[in-house]
Amino acid sequence: MKQIDPYSYQCGVIDCFNEMVKAGIKNIALAHPCTTKEERDSYIPFVETITNQYQTYYYLDDNPLITDLFPYSLNRKTYNIIFYKEKKYIEEYIALKEHKRQSIINQQYSQLRTEIAYEFGHLLSYSDQTIEQYINMNNEKENDEGEVSYDH
């Protein structure tokens, strides 16, 4: 089997997710997170080409939303690109990040964490059943202060 380099693989992911966003299958889609801003930014020329092709948009996220949906380490201290077709969805994402931030400040995150994870899952166009499965399978969640906690 022919070896695929990581850059080309990521470009394939970006293409696929933009096609899904254009078709209305996903409200937003996340590229795979990058460990450095420079790595993430290396994709921008391709991202600009592909978003023009699919008539979608992108948002550079230097502080991704962490929820119980995905393992803490997957997105913590990473850089991402979010794809969307309608501005309202990226606005909802930004508002959700602020809602989470305020819930931590107000010491309400423990009561709201599942709701926030579901809202994020819905933005990603996941079903409630899929969201529940992702949350249940995730054994690397934040504590109420936004730091990692492992379920065993």
Protein backbone atom coordinates (compact mmCIF):
# COMPACT_ATOMS: atom_id res chain seq x y z
CA MET A 1 0.00 0.00 0.00
CA LYS A 2 1.25 3.48 -0.86
CA GLN A 3 2.23 5.66 2.10
CA ILE A 4 0.22 8.88 2.59
CA ASP A 5 2.09 11.81 4.13
CA PRO A 6 0.39 13.61 7.05
CA TYR A 7 -0.07 16.90 5.16
CA SER A 8 -1.89 15.19 2.28
CA TYR A 9 -4.01 13.19 4.70
CA GLN A 10 -5.08 16.35 6.54
CA CYS A 11 -5.92 18.02 3.21
CA GLY A 12 -8.16 15.06 2.39
CA VAL A 13 -9.93 15.46 5.73
CA ILE A 14 -10.37 19.18 5.10
CA ASP A 15 -11.82 18.51 1.63
CA CYS A 16 -14.23 15.88 2.94
CA PHE A 17 -15.49 18.00 5.82
CA ASN A 18 -16.07 21.00 3.57
CA GLU A 19 -18.10 18.87 1.19
CA MET A 20 -20.23 17.70 4.15
CA VAL A 21 -20.70 21.28 5.38
CA LYS A 22 -21.66 22.48 1.89
CA ALA A 23 -24.19 19.63 1.57
CA GLY A 24 -25.75 20.55 4.92
CA ILE A 25 -24.78 17.23 6.51
CA LYS A 26 -22.77 19.07 9.19
CA ASN A 27 -23.37 22.55 10.65
CA ILE A 28 -19.69 22.85 11.58
CA ALA A 29 -16.75 20.54 11.08
CA LEU A 30 -13.39 20.45 12.82
CA ALA A 31 -10.12 19.80 11.08
CA HIS A 32 -7.80 17.54 13.05
CA PRO A 33 -6.18 19.60 15.80
CA CYS A 34 -2.58 20.76 15.33
CA THR A 35 -0.06 20.99 18.14
CA THR A 36 1.39 24.29 16.90
CA LYS A 37 -0.05 27.40 15.32
CA GLU A 38 2.58 27.15 12.56
CA GLU A 39 1.45 23.64 11.63
CA ARG A 40 -2.20 24.73 11.54
CA ASP A 41 -1.38 27.83 9.51
CA SER A 42 0.53 25.74 6.95
CA TYR A 43 -2.88 24.45 5.77
CA ILE A 44 -4.37 27.92 5.20
CA PRO A 45 -3.52 28.15 1.46
CA PHE A 46 -5.26 24.80 0.88
CA VAL A 47 -8.13 25.80 3.19
CA GLU A 48 -8.69 29.02 1.23
CA THR A 49 -8.79 27.10 -2.05
CA ILE A 50 -11.15 24.42 -0.76
CA THR A 51 -13.52 26.81 1.04
CA ASN A 52 -13.77 28.86 -2.18
CA GLN A 53 -14.50 25.66 -4.10
CA TYR A 54 -17.25 24.56 -1.70
CA GLN A 55 -18.51 28.06 -0.86
CA THR A 56 -17.86 27.49 2.84
CA TYR A 57 -15.98 29.51 5.45
CA TYR A 58 -13.35 28.83 8.04
CA TYR A 59 -12.54 30.04 11.53
CA LEU A 60 -9.09 29.74 13.10
CA ASP A 61 -9.46 28.61 16.70
CA ASP A 62 -6.44 29.09 18.96
CA ASN A 63 -8.28 27.94 22.06
CA PRO A 64 -10.64 25.08 21.13
CA LEU A 65 -13.73 24.26 23.14
CA ILE A 66 -13.09 21.36 25.51
CA THR A 67 -16.14 19.35 26.55
CA ASP A 68 -16.87 15.83 27.73
CA LEU A 69 -17.50 14.89 24.09
CA PHE A 70 -13.82 14.26 23.33
CA PRO A 71 -10.78 13.39 25.44
CA TYR A 72 -9.24 16.41 27.13
CA SER A 73 -5.79 15.86 25.62
CA LEU A 74 -7.17 15.70 22.06
CA ASN A 75 -7.84 19.46 21.94
CA ARG A 76 -6.10 20.96 24.97
CA LYS A 77 -3.42 23.47 23.94
CA THR A 78 -4.02 22.82 20.23
CA TYR A 79 -4.89 24.94 17.22
CA ASN A 80 -7.79 24.13 14.96
CA ILE A 81 -9.73 25.15 11.90
CA ILE A 82 -13.52 25.09 11.99
CA PHE A 83 -15.53 24.96 8.78
CA TYR A 84 -19.06 26.29 8.42
CA LYS A 85 -21.52 27.46 5.77
CA GLU A 86 -23.81 29.70 7.80
CA LYS A 87 -22.45 32.44 10.06
CA LYS A 88 -24.98 31.62 12.77
CA TYR A 89 -23.23 28.31 13.48
CA ILE A 90 -19.82 29.80 14.13
CA GLU A 91 -21.50 32.46 16.26
CA GLU A 92 -23.19 29.67 18.25
CA TYR A 93 -19.82 27.98 18.70
CA ILE A 94 -18.20 31.19 19.99
CA ALA A 95 -21.18 31.80 22.30
CA LEU A 96 -20.93 28.23 23.61
CA LYS A 97 -17.24 28.75 24.44
CA GLU A 98 -18.19 31.89 26.37
CA HIS A 99 -21.05 30.08 28.11
CA LYS A 100 -18.61 27.41 29.29
CA ARG A 101 -16.09 30.03 30.43
CA GLN A 102 -18.75 31.85 32.44
CA SER A 103 -20.01 28.58 33.96
CA ILE A 104 -16.49 27.85 35.25
CA ILE A 105 -16.12 31.38 36.66
CA ASN A 106 -19.53 31.08 38.35
CA GLN A 107 -18.73 27.57 39.62
CA GLN A 108 -21.67 26.11 37.68
CA TYR A 109 -19.76 23.94 35.21
CA SER A 110 -20.56 20.71 37.07
CA GLN A 111 -24.29 21.38 36.59
CA LEU A 112 -23.94 22.52 32.95
CA ARG A 113 -21.17 20.29 31.56
CA THR A 114 -23.48 17.69 29.98
CA GLU A 115 -25.68 20.40 28.45
CA ILE A 116 -22.59 22.12 27.01
CA ALA A 117 -21.29 18.84 25.57
CA TYR A 118 -24.68 18.15 23.95
CA GLU A 119 -24.83 21.66 22.48
CA PHE A 120 -21.37 21.15 21.01
CA GLY A 121 -22.36 17.76 19.65
CA HIS A 122 -25.47 19.26 18.06
CA LEU A 123 -23.31 21.94 16.38
CA LEU A 124 -21.24 19.08 14.96
CA SER A 125 -24.57 17.56 13.78
CA TYR A 126 -24.30 14.46 15.95
CA SER A 127 -27.41 12.65 17.12
CA ASP A 128 -28.24 12.50 20.82
CA GLN A 129 -27.36 8.79 20.78
CA THR A 130 -23.93 9.49 19.27
CA ILE A 131 -23.29 12.30 21.75
CA GLU A 132 -24.20 10.01 24.65
CA GLN A 133 -21.85 7.31 23.33
CA TYR A 134 -18.97 9.77 22.92
CA ILE A 135 -19.45 11.12 26.44
CA ASN A 136 -19.68 7.63 27.96
CA MET A 137 -16.59 6.41 26.10
CA ASN A 138 -14.53 9.44 27.12
CA ASN A 139 -12.47 8.60 30.22
CA GLU A 140 -10.42 11.81 30.08
CA LYS A 141 -12.68 14.65 31.14
CA GLU A 142 -12.14 18.03 32.76
CA ASN A 143 -12.95 18.64 36.38
CA ASP A 144 -15.18 21.55 37.36
CA GLU A 145 -12.25 23.98 37.13
CA GLY A 146 -11.39 23.03 33.56
CA GLU A 147 -8.45 20.74 34.38
CA VAL A 148 -8.07 17.10 33.39
CA SER A 149 -9.69 14.35 35.41
CA TYR A 150 -9.50 10.67 34.49
CA ASP A 151 -12.42 8.26 34.88
CA HIS A 152 -11.40 4.69 35.52
